[in-house]
């Protein structure tokens, strides 16, 4: 009997059911990064960020990570720039922005790559599976370290369709093709996407929720170290309500976060100034043909990773303007979930330079813009699929999941926007193409929140067996170069 494959899985949430299903198939989950699971070694983001005695005890520190390329440092910088921590809490993270000075970025990139290498060597990991594309800086460095050590790496991408996900496999930095695999056929064709993840967060007023919160605070504060959970809840509640003075004060009280409290306050000030300077037009006043560009929420994987060379959205907008036909313009809609990160005064000033670019009011319905525009454009956003699902072509700049479907047009220099605007997508053609596309996607749920798409009520854990079978099939179909054929 062959020994079990030793896995490090990077996922913010994991289940006993999936761990046990993988074990039955000969795959041992040795460690879980970012998430926590009783009975499995769990490495928090804080521990992977700062290191720990536990990681040092793995005994791999004599093995050094090689030099990083400028492209690797840039990718790391964009991703780690979103990652922060909740005051006084070493187990919980926030997306309020990074804590690294630009001058120190290369050193931290090297340090985090070394921590990742120590973990992989010390735990004798065979394969690393990312249940979401690496996009937090730390997981980017884990992927690099795994590739350098020759570990098999799986990168998974949940699709906005019921229990289907994409996969890519790498060995030694080389993408490896998987042998032909049989997954459940998709026969439902194209349908409007379920944008459940765009629903605004429900924030209850303090007046309605204070008794519950007070009881929670008292119970947690009585436990050893429980005050950290109280601070966490207070901090995240303040963020949801945009109580930035309280947020800044809590950050200032934590020694590790104190240096960035003032920086984030200045970022928010620049965001307000920049947003107020936008050139806004009412859609009813626009008579020219226009390209509708929906801004991504930032920071997120769709820009920092799937955006590729256009990860910075103003670069894509400037490329559109440089290739736009005479008499056309660009209308931009801000993402409704966007906050101050990645929207500085400089961001808006870049977009003000060309009078052909304007913003529409934030309340303008996206459906109305899709109906009125000549062409919809995005880095990798779902609005591109929404456009072709309506029968009209769209332009993408990055690596969206719908690339290759009829009507999905990759941006190239000198693109003929007029010709793209005249393309139509027959529904039957799109149905057939999507059926073929999704029939080749794996079965299961690797991102727990996508259980919102399931047609039954048991939740994502009920998909554990099916997900495990898919993952093991993918891994076994990808042979390492030194493996016997």
Protein backbone atom coordinates (compact mmCIF):
# COMPACT_ATOMS: atom_id res chain seq x y z
CA UNK A 1 0.00 0.00 0.00
CA UNK A 2 1.34 3.43 -0.95
CA UNK A 3 1.68 6.00 1.85
CA UNK A 4 -0.97 8.69 1.97
CA UNK A 5 -0.25 11.92 0.11
CA UNK A 6 0.50 14.67 2.61
CA UNK A 7 -1.57 17.79 1.89
CA UNK A 8 -1.43 21.40 2.95
CA UNK A 9 -4.79 22.96 2.13
CA UNK A 10 -5.26 26.73 2.01
CA UNK A 11 -8.86 27.52 2.81
CA UNK A 12 -10.49 29.93 5.22
CA UNK A 13 -13.10 27.29 6.06
CA UNK A 14 -12.88 23.51 6.04
CA UNK A 15 -14.92 20.58 7.31
CA UNK A 16 -14.40 17.29 9.11
CA UNK A 17 -16.51 15.65 6.42
CA UNK A 18 -14.15 16.65 3.61
CA UNK A 19 -11.04 15.79 5.62
CA UNK A 20 -12.39 12.32 6.39
CA UNK A 21 -13.48 11.75 2.78
CA UNK A 22 -10.00 12.62 1.54
CA UNK A 23 -8.40 10.32 4.11
CA UNK A 24 -10.47 7.39 2.85
CA UNK A 25 -9.05 8.07 -0.63
CA UNK A 26 -5.42 8.11 0.51
CA UNK A 27 -4.88 11.86 1.03
CA UNK A 28 -3.96 13.13 4.50
CA UNK A 29 -4.66 16.76 5.37
CA UNK A 30 -1.53 17.50 7.39
CA UNK A 31 -2.12 21.25 7.76
CA UNK A 32 -4.78 23.85 7.10
CA UNK A 33 -3.69 27.41 6.36
CA UNK A 34 -5.89 30.44 7.15
CA UNK A 35 -8.74 28.30 8.48
CA UNK A 36 -9.07 26.23 11.65
CA UNK A 37 -10.23 22.68 12.20
CA UNK A 38 -10.06 20.64 15.40
CA UNK A 39 -7.68 17.71 15.09
CA UNK A 40 -5.69 19.25 12.22
CA UNK A 41 -2.65 21.51 12.46
CA UNK A 42 -4.03 24.98 11.68
CA UNK A 43 -1.78 27.86 10.67
CA UNK A 44 -3.37 31.30 11.07
CA UNK A 45 -2.61 34.19 8.76
CA UNK A 46 -1.01 35.98 11.71
CA UNK A 47 1.37 33.07 12.28
CA UNK A 48 2.26 32.83 8.59
CA UNK A 49 2.73 36.60 8.50
CA UNK A 50 5.02 37.04 11.51
CA UNK A 51 6.36 33.53 11.94
CA UNK A 52 6.21 31.61 15.23
CA UNK A 53 8.17 29.30 17.50
CA UNK A 54 6.09 26.45 16.12
CA UNK A 55 7.24 27.17 12.57
CA UNK A 56 10.84 27.63 13.71
CA UNK A 57 10.65 24.24 15.43
CA UNK A 58 9.96 22.56 12.08
CA UNK A 59 13.71 22.69 11.57
CA UNK A 60 13.85 23.72 7.93
CA UNK A 61 15.43 27.15 8.41
CA UNK A 62 18.77 26.09 6.94
CA UNK A 63 17.09 25.77 3.52
CA UNK A 64 16.98 29.19 1.90
CA UNK A 65 14.49 30.55 -0.59
CA UNK A 66 16.00 31.90 -3.81
CA UNK A 67 15.78 35.48 -5.07
CA UNK A 68 12.38 36.79 -6.16
CA UNK A 69 11.82 38.32 -9.57
CA UNK A 70 10.43 41.85 -9.91
CA UNK A 71 7.17 40.40 -11.29
CA UNK A 72 6.82 38.11 -8.27
CA UNK A 73 7.39 41.02 -5.89
CA UNK A 74 4.79 43.13 -7.74
CA UNK A 75 2.18 40.36 -7.59
CA UNK A 76 2.92 39.83 -3.90
CA UNK A 77 2.73 43.58 -3.19
CA UNK A 78 -0.69 44.03 -4.78
CA UNK A 79 -2.09 41.05 -2.88
CA UNK A 80 -0.54 41.56 0.55
CA UNK A 81 -1.66 45.19 0.38
CA UNK A 82 -5.21 44.14 1.26
CA UNK A 83 -4.32 42.14 4.37
CA UNK A 84 -4.49 43.54 7.89
CA UNK A 85 -5.38 42.32 11.36
CA UNK A 86 -7.99 43.10 13.96
CA UNK A 87 -6.59 44.95 17.00
CA UNK A 88 -5.33 42.67 19.79
CA UNK A 89 -6.45 39.56 17.93
CA UNK A 90 -3.88 37.19 16.47
CA UNK A 91 -6.38 34.82 14.86
CA UNK A 92 -8.61 37.20 12.93
CA UNK A 93 -7.79 39.28 9.90
CA UNK A 94 -9.36 42.24 8.12
CA UNK A 95 -9.26 43.63 4.61
CA UNK A 96 -8.69 47.22 5.69
CA UNK A 97 -5.31 47.40 4.01
CA UNK A 98 -1.75 46.22 4.34
CA UNK A 99 0.74 47.18 6.99
CA UNK A 100 3.99 47.21 5.02
CA UNK A 101 5.96 50.25 3.93
CA UNK A 102 6.85 50.23 0.23
CA UNK A 103 10.56 50.39 1.01
CA UNK A 104 10.29 47.18 3.04
CA UNK A 105 8.17 45.24 0.56
CA UNK A 106 10.97 43.15 -0.96
CA UNK A 107 12.23 42.07 2.46
CA UNK A 108 8.76 41.00 3.60
CA UNK A 109 8.16 39.16 0.34
CA UNK A 110 11.38 37.23 0.91
CA UNK A 111 10.52 36.59 4.57
CA UNK A 112 7.07 35.26 3.76
CA UNK A 113 8.48 33.02 1.02
CA UNK A 114 10.97 31.64 3.53
CA UNK A 115 8.26 30.98 6.13
CA UNK A 116 6.27 29.12 3.48
CA UNK A 117 9.32 27.05 2.51
CA UNK A 118 10.00 26.16 6.14
CA UNK A 119 6.40 24.97 6.60
CA UNK A 120 6.45 22.80 3.48
CA UNK A 121 9.81 21.21 4.24
CA UNK A 122 9.18 20.77 7.95
CA UNK A 123 5.82 19.08 7.41
CA UNK A 124 7.05 17.04 4.42
CA UNK A 125 4.19 18.24 2.25
CA UNK A 126 3.61 16.48 -1.07
CA UNK A 127 0.84 18.65 -2.49
CA UNK A 128 -0.61 22.11 -1.81
CA UNK A 129 -4.24 22.78 -2.69
CA UNK A 130 -5.60 26.32 -2.80
CA UNK A 131 -9.39 26.42 -2.52
CA UNK A 132 -9.29 29.95 -3.93
CA UNK A 133 -6.64 31.46 -6.20
CA UNK A 134 -3.71 32.83 -4.11
CA UNK A 135 -4.51 36.50 -3.55
CA UNK A 136 -3.44 37.45 0.00
CA UNK A 137 0.33 37.76 -0.48
CA UNK A 138 1.07 34.97 1.99
CA UNK A 139 -0.62 32.36 -0.18
CA UNK A 140 1.17 33.76 -3.25
CA UNK A 141 4.47 33.05 -1.53
CA UNK A 142 3.27 29.59 -0.46
CA UNK A 143 2.51 28.78 -4.10
CA UNK A 144 5.96 30.02 -5.17
CA UNK A 145 7.69 27.98 -2.46
CA UNK A 146 5.69 24.87 -3.37
CA UNK A 147 6.61 25.26 -7.04
CA UNK A 148 10.28 25.73 -6.18
CA UNK A 149 10.25 22.55 -4.08
CA UNK A 150 8.51 20.54 -6.79
CA UNK A 151 5.27 20.02 -4.87
CA UNK A 152 2.14 19.44 -6.88
CA UNK A 153 -0.07 22.54 -6.66
CA UNK A 154 -3.80 22.68 -7.36
CA UNK A 155 -5.50 26.07 -7.74
CA UNK A 156 -9.29 25.91 -7.63
CA UNK A 157 -11.91 28.43 -8.71
CA UNK A 158 -15.54 28.08 -7.72
CA UNK A 159 -17.91 28.95 -10.58
CA UNK A 160 -21.23 30.80 -10.23
CA UNK A 161 -23.13 27.64 -11.12
CA UNK A 162 -24.39 24.87 -8.87
CA UNK A 163 -21.49 22.84 -7.40
CA UNK A 164 -19.02 23.38 -10.24
CA UNK A 165 -15.41 24.55 -9.95
CA UNK A 166 -12.42 25.01 -12.25
CA UNK A 167 -8.93 23.71 -11.56
CA UNK A 168 -5.35 24.29 -12.65
CA UNK A 169 -2.39 22.13 -11.70
CA UNK A 170 1.27 23.11 -11.46
CA UNK A 171 4.48 21.22 -10.81
CA UNK A 172 7.74 23.15 -10.58
CA UNK A 173 6.14 26.36 -11.90
CA UNK A 174 4.94 24.58 -15.03
CA UNK A 175 1.24 24.25 -15.66
CA UNK A 176 0.45 20.57 -16.10
CA UNK A 177 -2.42 19.29 -18.23
CA UNK A 178 -4.78 16.85 -16.56
CA UNK A 179 -5.82 13.67 -18.26
CA UNK A 180 -9.38 13.52 -19.54
CA UNK A 181 -11.73 13.42 -16.56
CA UNK A 182 -15.41 12.56 -16.39
CA UNK A 183 -17.54 14.97 -14.39
CA UNK A 184 -21.30 15.40 -14.23
CA UNK A 185 -22.58 16.78 -17.54
CA UNK A 186 -24.17 20.22 -17.50
CA UNK A 187 -27.37 20.40 -19.53
CA UNK A 188 -29.10 23.51 -18.16
CA UNK A 189 -27.50 25.91 -20.65
CA UNK A 190 -27.03 29.60 -19.93
CA UNK A 191 -29.03 31.40 -17.29
CA UNK A 192 -28.82 34.79 -15.56
CA UNK A 193 -26.13 34.61 -12.85
CA UNK A 194 -27.11 34.52 -9.20
CA UNK A 195 -25.20 37.49 -7.76
CA UNK A 196 -25.83 36.52 -4.14
CA UNK A 197 -22.35 37.75 -3.19
CA UNK A 198 -23.28 41.31 -4.20
CA UNK A 199 -26.04 41.59 -1.58
CA UNK A 200 -25.30 44.48 0.79
CA UNK A 201 -24.42 43.42 4.35
CA UNK A 202 -27.23 43.62 6.85
CA UNK A 203 -26.23 46.03 9.60
CA UNK A 204 -28.60 46.23 12.54
CA UNK A 205 -28.78 49.40 14.56
CA UNK A 206 -27.26 49.40 18.03
CA UNK A 207 -30.66 50.26 19.48
CA UNK A 208 -32.10 47.00 18.17
CA UNK A 209 -29.14 44.79 18.90
CA UNK A 210 -27.56 46.17 22.07
CA UNK A 211 -29.05 43.59 24.52
CA UNK A 212 -27.70 40.69 22.47
CA UNK A 213 -24.33 42.37 22.02
CA UNK A 214 -24.07 43.28 25.69
CA UNK A 215 -24.76 39.67 26.74
CA UNK A 216 -22.19 38.43 24.24
CA UNK A 217 -19.60 40.89 25.51
CA UNK A 218 -20.11 39.91 29.15
CA UNK A 219 -19.94 36.17 28.40
CA UNK A 220 -16.81 36.43 26.29
CA UNK A 221 -15.05 38.88 28.59
CA UNK A 222 -15.34 36.41 31.48
CA UNK A 223 -13.35 33.78 29.58
CA UNK A 224 -9.53 33.81 29.62
CA UNK A 225 -8.49 36.09 26.77
CA UNK A 226 -12.13 36.62 25.84
CA UNK A 227 -11.72 40.38 25.73
CA UNK A 228 -10.00 39.92 22.35
CA UNK A 229 -13.25 38.56 20.89
CA UNK A 230 -15.10 41.57 22.30
CA UNK A 231 -12.60 43.96 20.68
CA UNK A 232 -12.89 42.06 17.41
CA UNK A 233 -16.67 42.37 17.36
CA UNK A 234 -16.51 46.05 18.29
CA UNK A 235 -13.92 46.73 15.61
CA UNK A 236 -15.76 44.90 12.80
CA UNK A 237 -19.05 46.52 13.81
CA UNK A 238 -17.42 49.95 13.62
CA UNK A 239 -16.06 49.15 10.16
CA UNK A 240 -19.51 48.07 8.91
CA UNK A 241 -20.99 51.39 10.09
CA UNK A 242 -18.11 53.56 8.81
CA UNK A 243 -17.27 54.74 12.32
CA UNK A 244 -13.74 55.55 11.26
CA UNK A 245 -12.75 57.52 14.35
CA UNK A 246 -13.43 54.46 16.51
CA UNK A 247 -11.63 52.25 13.99
CA UNK A 248 -8.58 54.53 14.05
CA UNK A 249 -8.56 54.68 17.86
CA UNK A 250 -8.71 50.89 18.21
CA UNK A 251 -5.88 50.50 15.71
CA UNK A 252 -3.80 53.12 17.48
CA UNK A 253 -4.16 51.19 20.75
CA UNK A 254 -2.49 48.12 19.22
CA UNK A 255 1.29 48.47 18.90
CA UNK A 256 1.44 46.49 15.66
CA UNK A 257 -1.32 48.50 13.99
CA UNK A 258 -0.39 51.93 15.33
CA UNK A 259 1.88 52.85 12.37
CA UNK A 260 -0.94 52.30 9.85
CA UNK A 261 -3.81 53.96 11.69
CA UNK A 262 -2.80 57.40 10.42
CA UNK A 263 -2.06 56.07 6.95
CA UNK A 264 -5.53 54.56 6.62
CA UNK A 265 -7.12 57.76 7.88
CA UNK A 266 -5.29 59.69 5.15
CA UNK A 267 -6.36 57.10 2.56
CA UNK A 268 -9.98 57.63 3.51
CA UNK A 269 -9.56 61.39 3.24
CA UNK A 270 -8.09 61.08 -0.27
CA UNK A 271 -10.88 58.70 -1.25
CA UNK A 272 -13.53 61.25 -0.27
CA UNK A 273 -11.72 64.02 -2.16
CA UNK A 274 -11.28 61.87 -5.23
CA UNK A 275 -14.87 60.61 -5.26
CA UNK A 276 -16.13 64.18 -5.00
CA UNK A 277 -14.03 65.20 -8.03
CA UNK A 278 -15.57 62.63 -10.40
CA UNK A 279 -17.04 63.87 -13.67
CA UNK A 280 -20.61 62.59 -13.41
CA UNK A 281 -23.20 62.54 -16.18
CA UNK A 282 -26.81 61.45 -16.18
CA UNK A 283 -27.43 58.53 -18.49
CA UNK A 284 -30.43 60.26 -20.10
CA UNK A 285 -28.16 63.03 -21.36
CA UNK A 286 -25.83 60.66 -23.23
CA UNK A 287 -26.60 60.31 -26.94
CA UNK A 288 -23.24 58.99 -28.21
CA UNK A 289 -22.38 55.28 -28.34
CA UNK A 290 -20.46 54.34 -25.22
CA UNK A 291 -18.45 51.58 -23.61
CA UNK A 292 -19.81 50.67 -20.18
CA UNK A 293 -17.01 49.74 -17.78
CA UNK A 294 -18.08 48.43 -14.38
CA UNK A 295 -15.35 48.91 -11.80
CA UNK A 296 -14.39 45.90 -9.73
CA UNK A 297 -14.46 46.03 -5.97
CA UNK A 298 -10.85 46.32 -4.84
CA UNK A 299 -8.78 44.75 -3.54
CA UNK A 300 -9.92 41.33 -4.76
CA UNK A 301 -8.68 38.38 -6.77
CA UNK A 302 -10.55 39.48 -9.90
CA UNK A 303 -8.21 42.44 -10.22
CA UNK A 304 -4.99 41.48 -8.44
CA UNK A 305 -4.78 37.98 -9.94
CA UNK A 306 -7.27 37.48 -12.75
CA UNK A 307 -6.69 41.03 -13.98
CA UNK A 308 -3.24 40.00 -15.22
CA UNK A 309 -1.34 42.87 -16.84
CA UNK A 310 -4.40 45.09 -16.32
CA UNK A 311 -4.62 44.50 -12.57
CA UNK A 312 -4.69 48.28 -12.14
CA UNK A 313 -8.05 49.26 -13.61
CA UNK A 314 -7.08 52.75 -14.88
CA UNK A 315 -4.63 50.96 -17.21
CA UNK A 316 -7.57 49.16 -18.84
CA UNK A 317 -9.60 52.36 -19.10
CA UNK A 318 -6.72 54.22 -20.70
CA UNK A 319 -6.30 51.34 -23.17
CA UNK A 320 -9.99 51.65 -24.10
CA UNK A 321 -9.68 55.40 -24.63
CA UNK A 322 -6.61 54.93 -26.81
CA UNK A 323 -8.51 52.59 -29.14
CA UNK A 324 -11.96 54.20 -29.03
CA UNK A 325 -13.66 55.16 -32.32
CA UNK A 326 -14.38 58.80 -32.97
CA UNK A 327 -17.60 60.04 -31.39
CA UNK A 328 -17.61 57.32 -28.70
CA UNK A 329 -17.16 57.76 -24.96
CA UNK A 330 -16.67 55.65 -21.83
CA UNK A 331 -19.09 55.54 -18.91
CA UNK A 332 -17.83 54.11 -15.64
CA UNK A 333 -19.93 52.84 -12.75
CA UNK A 334 -18.44 52.55 -9.28
CA UNK A 335 -18.79 49.23 -7.49
CA UNK A 336 -21.49 49.52 -4.80
CA UNK A 337 -19.33 47.70 -2.24
CA UNK A 338 -16.21 49.78 -2.77
CA UNK A 339 -14.49 51.54 0.09
CA UNK A 340 -11.37 53.64 0.29
CA UNK A 341 -8.81 50.97 -0.63
CA UNK A 342 -7.37 51.33 -4.17
CA UNK A 343 -9.34 54.53 -4.79
CA UNK A 344 -6.93 57.33 -3.97
CA UNK A 345 -7.01 60.89 -5.22
CA UNK A 346 -4.41 59.80 -7.81
CA UNK A 347 -6.78 57.07 -9.06
CA UNK A 348 -9.49 59.58 -9.87
CA UNK A 349 -7.10 62.18 -11.27
CA UNK A 350 -5.88 59.65 -13.84
CA UNK A 351 -9.46 59.15 -14.99
CA UNK A 352 -10.16 62.90 -15.20
CA UNK A 353 -7.48 63.51 -17.83
CA UNK A 354 -9.65 62.46 -20.77
CA UNK A 355 -13.00 64.28 -21.19
CA UNK A 356 -14.42 61.25 -23.01
CA UNK A 357 -14.58 59.35 -19.72
CA UNK A 358 -17.31 60.06 -17.18
CA UNK A 359 -18.92 58.35 -14.23
CA UNK A 360 -22.62 57.66 -13.97
CA UNK A 361 -24.42 58.14 -10.63
CA UNK A 362 -23.81 55.26 -8.25
CA UNK A 363 -27.54 54.44 -8.17
CA UNK A 364 -27.73 53.85 -11.95
CA UNK A 365 -28.97 50.25 -12.47
CA UNK A 366 -26.39 48.00 -14.10
CA UNK A 367 -29.14 46.39 -16.18
CA UNK A 368 -30.01 49.77 -17.71
CA UNK A 369 -26.37 50.38 -18.60
CA UNK A 370 -26.10 46.96 -20.21
CA UNK A 371 -29.17 47.68 -22.32
CA UNK A 372 -28.00 51.15 -23.38
CA UNK A 373 -24.28 50.61 -23.99
CA UNK A 374 -22.66 49.79 -27.32
CA UNK A 375 -20.22 47.39 -25.59
CA UNK A 376 -19.76 46.28 -21.97
CA UNK A 377 -16.17 45.88 -20.75
CA UNK A 378 -14.55 44.52 -17.60
CA UNK A 379 -11.34 42.95 -16.40
CA UNK A 380 -12.96 39.68 -15.35
CA UNK A 381 -16.30 40.71 -13.92
CA UNK A 382 -19.60 38.89 -14.18
CA UNK A 383 -21.11 41.79 -16.14
CA UNK A 384 -19.27 40.42 -19.19
CA UNK A 385 -21.25 37.19 -18.91
CA UNK A 386 -24.44 39.13 -18.21
CA UNK A 387 -23.92 40.96 -21.49
CA UNK A 388 -23.44 37.85 -23.62
CA UNK A 389 -26.31 36.15 -21.79
CA UNK A 390 -28.42 39.06 -23.09
CA UNK A 391 -27.21 38.26 -26.60
CA UNK A 392 -24.50 40.92 -26.98
CA UNK A 393 -20.73 40.65 -27.08
CA UNK A 394 -18.51 41.97 -24.26
CA UNK A 395 -14.81 42.74 -23.91
CA UNK A 396 -12.58 41.39 -21.15
CA UNK A 397 -8.99 42.29 -20.18
CA UNK A 398 -7.99 39.61 -17.69
CA UNK A 399 -8.86 35.96 -17.19
CA UNK A 400 -12.61 35.65 -16.55
CA UNK A 401 -14.25 32.27 -16.12
CA UNK A 402 -16.38 32.92 -19.23
CA UNK A 403 -13.40 33.41 -21.57
CA UNK A 404 -13.93 31.29 -24.69
CA UNK A 405 -17.72 31.53 -24.68
CA UNK A 406 -19.42 33.01 -27.78
CA UNK A 407 -19.38 36.80 -27.59
CA UNK A 408 -16.56 37.02 -25.03
CA UNK A 409 -13.88 39.12 -26.77
CA UNK A 410 -10.38 39.52 -25.37
CA UNK A 411 -9.06 43.08 -25.56
CA UNK A 412 -6.14 43.62 -27.91
CA UNK A 413 -4.46 46.81 -29.04
CA UNK A 414 -6.39 48.27 -31.97
CA UNK A 415 -9.61 46.42 -31.13
CA UNK A 416 -12.48 47.29 -33.51
CA UNK A 417 -15.13 48.40 -31.03
CA UNK A 418 -17.63 49.07 -33.79
CA UNK A 419 -17.39 45.46 -35.00
CA UNK A 420 -17.70 44.12 -31.44
CA UNK A 421 -20.83 46.21 -30.87
CA UNK A 422 -22.49 44.57 -33.88
CA UNK A 423 -21.85 41.00 -32.72
CA UNK A 424 -24.87 39.06 -31.51
CA UNK A 425 -24.88 35.83 -29.51
CA UNK A 426 -27.61 33.33 -30.44
CA UNK A 427 -29.07 31.80 -27.25
CA UNK A 428 -28.81 28.25 -28.61
CA UNK A 429 -25.12 28.75 -29.41
CA UNK A 430 -24.42 30.08 -25.92
CA UNK A 431 -26.38 27.24 -24.30
CA UNK A 432 -24.35 24.63 -26.18
CA UNK A 433 -21.05 26.31 -25.41
CA UNK A 434 -21.81 26.69 -21.70
CA UNK A 435 -22.99 23.09 -21.47
CA UNK A 436 -19.67 21.96 -22.90
CA UNK A 437 -17.71 24.37 -20.70
CA UNK A 438 -19.36 23.33 -17.43
CA UNK A 439 -19.37 19.63 -18.25
CA UNK A 440 -15.60 19.81 -18.08
CA UNK A 441 -15.63 21.57 -14.70
CA UNK A 442 -15.23 19.60 -11.47
CA UNK A 443 -18.14 18.71 -9.17
CA UNK A 444 -18.37 20.02 -5.63
CA UNK A 445 -18.07 23.10 -3.43
CA UNK A 446 -14.63 24.38 -2.46
CA UNK A 447 -15.76 27.89 -1.45
CA UNK A 448 -18.33 27.47 1.34
CA UNK A 449 -20.34 30.62 0.63
CA UNK A 450 -21.29 29.19 -2.76
CA UNK A 451 -23.65 26.81 -1.03
CA UNK A 452 -26.09 29.67 -1.60
CA UNK A 453 -26.44 28.17 -5.09
CA UNK A 454 -27.30 24.65 -3.92
CA UNK A 455 -30.83 23.48 -4.55
CA UNK A 456 -31.00 21.53 -1.29
CA UNK A 457 -30.78 22.85 2.25
CA UNK A 458 -27.99 20.74 3.73
CA UNK A 459 -25.22 23.23 2.88
CA UNK A 460 -21.71 22.86 1.53
CA UNK A 461 -20.67 20.09 3.93
CA UNK A 462 -23.14 17.77 2.26
CA UNK A 463 -21.00 18.05 -0.89
CA UNK A 464 -17.89 16.70 0.87
CA UNK A 465 -17.88 13.26 -0.73
CA UNK A 466 -18.44 14.58 -4.24
CA UNK A 467 -15.85 17.32 -3.75
CA UNK A 468 -13.27 14.84 -2.44
CA UNK A 469 -13.77 12.52 -5.42
CA UNK A 470 -13.25 15.43 -7.81
CA UNK A 471 -10.11 16.65 -6.04
CA UNK A 472 -8.52 13.23 -5.87
CA UNK A 473 -9.34 12.58 -9.54
CA UNK A 474 -7.68 15.86 -10.53
CA UNK A 475 -4.58 15.17 -8.45
CA UNK A 476 -4.16 11.64 -9.77
CA UNK A 477 -4.67 12.81 -13.37
CA UNK A 478 -1.72 15.19 -13.12
CA UNK A 479 1.54 13.31 -13.16
CA UNK A 480 4.70 14.88 -11.81
CA UNK A 481 7.55 14.71 -14.34
CA UNK A 482 9.44 12.18 -12.23
CA UNK A 483 6.37 10.02 -11.59
CA UNK A 484 6.17 6.70 -13.46
CA UNK A 485 3.68 6.81 -16.30
